[in-house]
Structures are given as structure tokens and as C-alpha cells.
N, C-alpha and C. Protein backbone atom coordinates (compact mmCIF):
# COMPACT_ATOMS: atom_id res chain seq x y z
N MET A 1 175.98 166.43 134.88
CA MET A 1 175.90 167.03 133.59
C MET A 1 174.54 167.75 133.59
N ARG A 2 174.55 168.85 132.87
CA ARG A 2 173.35 169.59 132.77
C ARG A 2 173.27 170.09 131.30
N ALA A 3 171.93 169.92 130.84
CA ALA A 3 171.74 170.36 129.39
C ALA A 3 171.68 171.94 129.41
N PRO A 4 172.03 172.59 128.52
CA PRO A 4 171.98 173.92 128.35
C PRO A 4 170.51 174.46 128.72
N LEU A 5 170.61 175.35 129.60
CA LEU A 5 169.12 176.13 130.00
C LEU A 5 168.26 175.13 130.92
N SER A 6 168.67 173.96 131.24
CA SER A 6 167.83 173.15 131.92
C SER A 6 168.28 173.27 133.49
N LEU A 7 167.17 173.07 134.39
CA LEU A 7 167.31 173.33 135.73
C LEU A 7 167.66 171.99 136.32
N GLN A 8 167.63 170.93 135.51
CA GLN A 8 167.79 169.44 136.06
C GLN A 8 169.42 168.83 135.83
N TYR A 9 169.91 168.29 136.76
CA TYR A 9 171.14 167.70 136.48
C TYR A 9 171.11 165.93 136.43
N ALA A 10 171.76 165.55 135.52
CA ALA A 10 171.95 164.08 135.56
C ALA A 10 173.18 163.73 136.10
N ILE A 11 173.19 162.78 137.10
CA ILE A 11 174.23 162.38 137.97
C ILE A 11 174.28 160.87 137.73
N ASP A 12 175.46 160.32 137.19
CA ASP A 12 175.89 158.93 136.98
C ASP A 12 176.27 158.44 138.13
N MET A 13 175.61 157.22 138.55
CA MET A 13 175.94 156.58 139.94
C MET A 13 176.28 155.21 139.61
N ASN A 14 177.12 154.63 140.36
CA ASN A 14 177.49 153.16 140.34
C ASN A 14 177.08 152.52 141.62
N VAL A 15 176.14 151.69 141.87
CA VAL A 15 175.70 151.27 143.10
C VAL A 15 175.78 149.70 143.10
N ASN A 16 176.74 149.20 143.95
CA ASN A 16 177.02 147.69 143.91
C ASN A 16 176.96 147.20 142.54
N GLY A 17 177.74 147.95 141.44
CA GLY A 17 177.75 147.41 140.27
C GLY A 17 176.65 147.56 139.39
N ASN A 18 175.53 148.22 139.80
CA ASN A 18 174.47 148.78 139.08
C ASN A 18 174.57 150.08 138.66
N HIS A 19 174.21 150.48 137.33
CA HIS A 19 174.44 151.74 136.83
C HIS A 19 173.16 152.46 137.08
N TYR A 20 173.30 153.77 137.48
CA TYR A 20 171.95 154.58 137.55
C TYR A 20 172.37 155.98 137.15
N ILE A 21 171.05 156.70 136.43
CA ILE A 21 171.32 158.12 136.22
C ILE A 21 170.23 158.80 137.15
N LEU A 22 170.72 159.67 138.12
CA LEU A 22 169.88 160.23 138.93
C LEU A 22 169.42 161.62 138.48
N MET A 23 168.25 162.02 138.32
CA MET A 23 167.98 163.45 137.75
C MET A 23 167.67 164.10 138.99
N VAL A 24 168.35 165.10 139.32
CA VAL A 24 167.99 166.17 140.61
C VAL A 24 167.67 167.46 140.02
N GLN A 25 167.14 168.22 141.13
CA GLN A 25 167.07 169.75 140.62
C GLN A 25 167.04 170.45 141.98
N PHE A 26 167.88 171.57 141.77
CA PHE A 26 168.11 172.37 142.87
C PHE A 26 167.05 173.44 142.86
N TRP A 27 166.56 173.81 144.09
CA TRP A 27 165.61 174.98 144.03
C TRP A 27 165.33 175.56 145.41
N LYS A 28 165.72 176.91 145.49
CA LYS A 28 165.56 177.58 146.87
C LYS A 28 166.30 176.80 147.88
N LYS A 29 167.59 176.44 147.86
CA LYS A 29 168.27 175.89 148.73
C LYS A 29 168.09 174.52 149.06
N GLN A 30 167.31 173.89 148.24
CA GLN A 30 166.92 172.54 148.44
C GLN A 30 167.29 171.67 147.16
N ILE A 31 167.26 170.22 147.42
CA ILE A 31 167.64 169.37 146.25
C ILE A 31 166.57 168.25 146.20
N TYR A 32 165.86 168.24 145.06
CA TYR A 32 164.86 167.32 144.82
C TYR A 32 165.28 166.10 143.78
N ALA A 33 165.14 165.00 144.05
CA ALA A 33 165.36 163.86 143.42
C ALA A 33 164.02 163.59 142.57
N LEU A 34 164.24 163.67 141.09
CA LEU A 34 163.04 163.63 140.25
C LEU A 34 162.72 162.43 139.76
N GLN A 35 163.85 161.48 139.36
CA GLN A 35 163.67 160.25 138.81
C GLN A 35 165.06 159.59 138.76
N ALA A 36 165.08 158.32 138.49
CA ALA A 36 166.20 157.69 138.32
C ALA A 36 166.03 156.67 137.33
N VAL A 37 167.13 156.40 136.42
CA VAL A 37 166.99 155.41 135.54
C VAL A 37 168.16 154.42 135.90
N ARG A 38 167.80 153.16 135.70
CA ARG A 38 168.81 152.05 135.85
C ARG A 38 169.03 151.51 134.59
N TRP A 39 170.42 151.30 134.07
CA TRP A 39 170.58 150.76 132.75
C TRP A 39 171.56 149.60 133.09
N TRP A 40 171.67 148.70 132.09
CA TRP A 40 172.48 147.62 131.88
C TRP A 40 172.60 147.16 130.41
N HIS A 41 173.83 146.52 130.29
CA HIS A 41 174.12 146.03 128.98
C HIS A 41 173.11 144.95 128.49
N ASP A 42 172.63 145.02 127.23
CA ASP A 42 171.86 143.95 126.82
C ASP A 42 171.88 144.14 125.37
N GLU A 43 172.65 143.08 124.59
CA GLU A 43 172.94 143.11 123.14
C GLU A 43 171.70 142.80 122.35
N ASN A 44 170.54 142.39 123.11
CA ASN A 44 169.35 142.38 122.34
C ASN A 44 168.50 143.46 122.38
N GLU A 45 168.82 144.59 122.83
CA GLU A 45 168.08 145.90 122.73
C GLU A 45 168.82 146.63 121.72
N PRO A 46 167.87 147.82 121.27
CA PRO A 46 168.54 148.70 120.31
C PRO A 46 169.59 149.51 121.11
N GLY A 47 170.87 149.80 120.62
CA GLY A 47 171.96 150.50 121.33
C GLY A 47 172.80 149.73 122.21
N GLY A 48 172.20 148.49 122.55
CA GLY A 48 172.95 147.46 123.37
C GLY A 48 172.82 147.79 124.92
N LYS A 49 171.74 148.51 125.22
CA LYS A 49 171.51 148.74 126.65
C LYS A 49 170.00 148.60 126.85
N LYS A 50 169.63 148.44 127.98
CA LYS A 50 168.23 148.29 128.54
C LYS A 50 168.05 149.10 129.79
N TYR A 51 166.78 149.83 130.06
CA TYR A 51 166.64 150.90 131.00
C TYR A 51 165.46 150.43 131.75
N ARG A 52 165.44 151.02 133.15
CA ARG A 52 164.14 150.83 133.96
C ARG A 52 164.01 152.18 134.73
N LEU A 53 162.96 152.90 134.66
CA LEU A 53 162.61 154.06 135.16
C LEU A 53 162.15 153.95 136.64
N TYR A 54 162.75 154.64 137.42
CA TYR A 54 162.16 154.65 138.97
C TYR A 54 161.74 156.06 139.32
N LYS A 55 160.37 155.93 139.72
CA LYS A 55 159.87 157.30 140.33
C LYS A 55 159.44 157.17 141.75
N GLN A 56 159.48 156.01 142.25
CA GLN A 56 159.35 155.65 143.50
C GLN A 56 159.91 156.68 144.61
N SER A 57 159.49 157.18 145.58
CA SER A 57 160.24 158.22 146.41
C SER A 57 161.25 157.32 147.47
N LYS A 58 160.97 156.26 147.80
CA LYS A 58 161.88 155.31 148.43
C LYS A 58 163.13 155.18 147.96
N ILE A 59 163.17 154.74 146.48
CA ILE A 59 164.42 154.38 145.77
C ILE A 59 165.19 155.81 145.57
N LEU A 60 164.37 156.75 145.05
CA LEU A 60 164.91 158.16 145.02
C LEU A 60 165.53 158.69 146.11
N SER A 61 164.92 158.60 147.37
CA SER A 61 165.49 159.01 148.39
C SER A 61 166.77 158.30 148.86
N ALA A 62 166.91 156.92 148.81
CA ALA A 62 167.95 156.07 149.09
C ALA A 62 169.11 156.58 148.24
N LEU A 63 168.85 156.85 146.81
CA LEU A 63 169.93 157.27 145.77
C LEU A 63 170.48 158.43 146.26
N LEU A 64 169.64 159.38 146.62
CA LEU A 64 170.14 160.82 147.02
C LEU A 64 170.76 160.87 148.20
N ILE A 65 170.42 160.12 149.21
CA ILE A 65 171.19 159.84 150.56
C ILE A 65 172.42 159.31 150.31
N LEU A 66 172.81 158.30 149.40
CA LEU A 66 173.91 157.73 149.04
C LEU A 66 174.71 158.73 148.31
N LEU A 67 174.37 159.60 147.58
CA LEU A 67 175.08 160.51 146.88
C LEU A 67 175.55 161.60 147.70
N ILE A 68 174.69 162.04 148.66
CA ILE A 68 175.08 163.31 149.56
C ILE A 68 176.13 162.74 150.68
N HIS A 69 176.01 161.23 150.96
CA HIS A 69 176.97 160.66 151.96
C HIS A 69 178.20 160.49 151.29
N GLN A 70 178.51 160.44 149.96
CA GLN A 70 179.65 160.27 149.20
C GLN A 70 180.45 161.62 149.47
N PHE A 71 179.80 162.69 149.75
CA PHE A 71 180.56 164.01 149.81
C PHE A 71 180.63 164.41 151.30
N HIS A 72 180.43 163.48 152.10
CA HIS A 72 180.50 163.78 153.66
C HIS A 72 181.77 164.22 154.06
N PRO A 73 182.16 165.22 154.88
CA PRO A 73 183.34 165.59 155.14
C PRO A 73 184.31 164.71 155.78
N MET A 74 183.96 163.63 156.33
CA MET A 74 184.81 162.48 156.90
C MET A 74 185.98 161.99 155.85
N ASP A 75 186.94 161.99 156.35
CA ASP A 75 188.22 161.51 155.51
C ASP A 75 187.99 160.07 155.26
N GLU A 76 187.81 159.36 156.35
CA GLU A 76 187.66 157.86 156.17
C GLU A 76 186.35 157.37 155.83
N ARG A 77 186.11 156.35 154.97
CA ARG A 77 184.85 155.86 154.58
C ARG A 77 184.63 154.69 155.57
N HIS A 78 183.46 154.36 155.72
CA HIS A 78 183.13 153.44 156.68
C HIS A 78 181.94 152.42 156.17
N ASN A 79 181.52 151.57 157.11
CA ASN A 79 180.89 150.44 156.51
C ASN A 79 179.22 150.94 156.21
N GLU A 80 178.83 152.18 156.66
CA GLU A 80 177.72 152.67 156.36
C GLU A 80 177.39 152.79 154.79
N ASP A 81 178.49 153.00 154.03
CA ASP A 81 178.48 153.18 152.48
C ASP A 81 178.00 151.88 152.09
N MET A 82 178.32 150.74 152.38
CA MET A 82 177.83 149.47 151.97
C MET A 82 176.31 149.34 152.33
N ASP A 83 175.97 149.72 153.57
CA ASP A 83 174.61 149.43 154.04
C ASP A 83 173.63 150.41 153.26
N LEU A 84 174.23 151.69 152.83
CA LEU A 84 173.08 152.40 151.95
C LEU A 84 173.00 151.80 150.62
N SER A 85 174.27 151.45 150.01
CA SER A 85 174.10 150.96 148.56
C SER A 85 173.38 149.52 148.72
N GLN A 86 173.50 148.78 149.61
CA GLN A 86 172.49 147.61 149.71
C GLN A 86 171.03 148.02 149.82
N LEU A 87 170.90 149.07 150.41
CA LEU A 87 169.36 149.53 150.62
C LEU A 87 168.71 149.63 149.39
N VAL A 88 169.51 150.33 148.51
CA VAL A 88 168.87 150.46 147.05
C VAL A 88 168.59 149.33 146.43
N ILE A 89 169.55 148.22 146.61
CA ILE A 89 169.23 146.87 145.99
C ILE A 89 167.96 146.28 146.48
N ASP A 90 167.74 146.39 147.89
CA ASP A 90 166.84 145.74 148.69
C ASP A 90 165.50 146.64 148.21
N LEU A 91 165.52 147.83 148.22
CA LEU A 91 164.24 148.42 147.84
C LEU A 91 163.85 148.02 146.37
N GLU A 92 164.75 147.82 145.45
CA GLU A 92 164.54 147.48 143.89
C GLU A 92 163.67 146.08 144.19
N GLN A 93 164.21 145.40 145.03
CA GLN A 93 163.51 143.83 144.87
C GLN A 93 162.31 143.93 145.52
N VAL A 94 161.96 144.72 146.36
CA VAL A 94 160.69 144.99 147.06
C VAL A 94 159.73 145.47 145.92
N GLU A 95 160.13 146.41 145.34
CA GLU A 95 159.38 146.86 144.07
C GLU A 95 159.11 145.73 143.08
N ASP A 96 159.97 145.07 142.71
CA ASP A 96 159.88 143.87 141.88
C ASP A 96 158.76 142.98 142.52
N ASP A 97 158.85 142.54 143.59
CA ASP A 97 157.88 141.70 144.27
C ASP A 97 156.70 142.34 144.40
N GLU A 98 156.37 143.56 144.73
CA GLU A 98 155.08 144.10 144.47
C GLU A 98 154.30 144.18 143.31
N SER A 99 155.17 144.60 142.20
CA SER A 99 154.54 144.53 140.74
C SER A 99 154.37 143.19 140.58
N GLU A 100 154.89 142.02 140.71
CA GLU A 100 154.63 140.96 140.48
C GLU A 100 153.31 140.45 141.03
N LEU A 101 153.01 140.92 142.29
CA LEU A 101 151.97 140.70 143.07
C LEU A 101 150.71 141.20 142.42
N ALA A 102 150.96 142.44 141.85
CA ALA A 102 149.78 143.20 141.35
C ALA A 102 149.41 142.76 140.03
N GLU A 103 150.20 141.97 139.42
CA GLU A 103 149.80 141.55 137.90
C GLU A 103 148.90 140.33 138.12
């Protein structure tokens, strides 16, 4: 989805049951992952959802690769899809561990 007159696209993704909104921009035959937001249902939050913003290039790259891989011309899906989606979850865990150490 793209807002009127905006150069960015918001792409909804579901990775191993986790919901993401990946913001991408196309520029001169290239695609850039700008940021990603993970969201989940939380009745204690306004609107019933909670959000987490990702700006780290590793997580953005993994989500972008997973998105591109979904449109690969191969007719049959194979185990690499699960490996790629697990990579996103693993990278989030590393980020969580690193932020806890920094505190």
C-alpha cells in the first residue's frame, strides 16, 4: 500500500506468525528497506496493538530478502523459506540480548 504522492510502500508481512509492516522505497531501479514495524495484539495498549520499530540493517535486509524470495519464479517452495523466516526471529533475539546488555 502507498499513500498518495508518497515514494514509500508499506508491505504487510507475516513471518512465523509475527506481523510486520516493511517500509520500502524504489529509486533508480533499486529497492531500499527503510524501516520495519512489528506489531502484536495487546489489550492493555491503546487500540489493542503494541508496536516495535526496527531500523537495524540486518533485520531489514532479512525481511527484504524474504519478501523478494516469495516472488522467486520457482513453482515449488522449498525449505529455504523456513530458514529465511527463522533468520528474522533469530536476529530479533540477538537485538533483544544486545539491548539488555547495554542497559
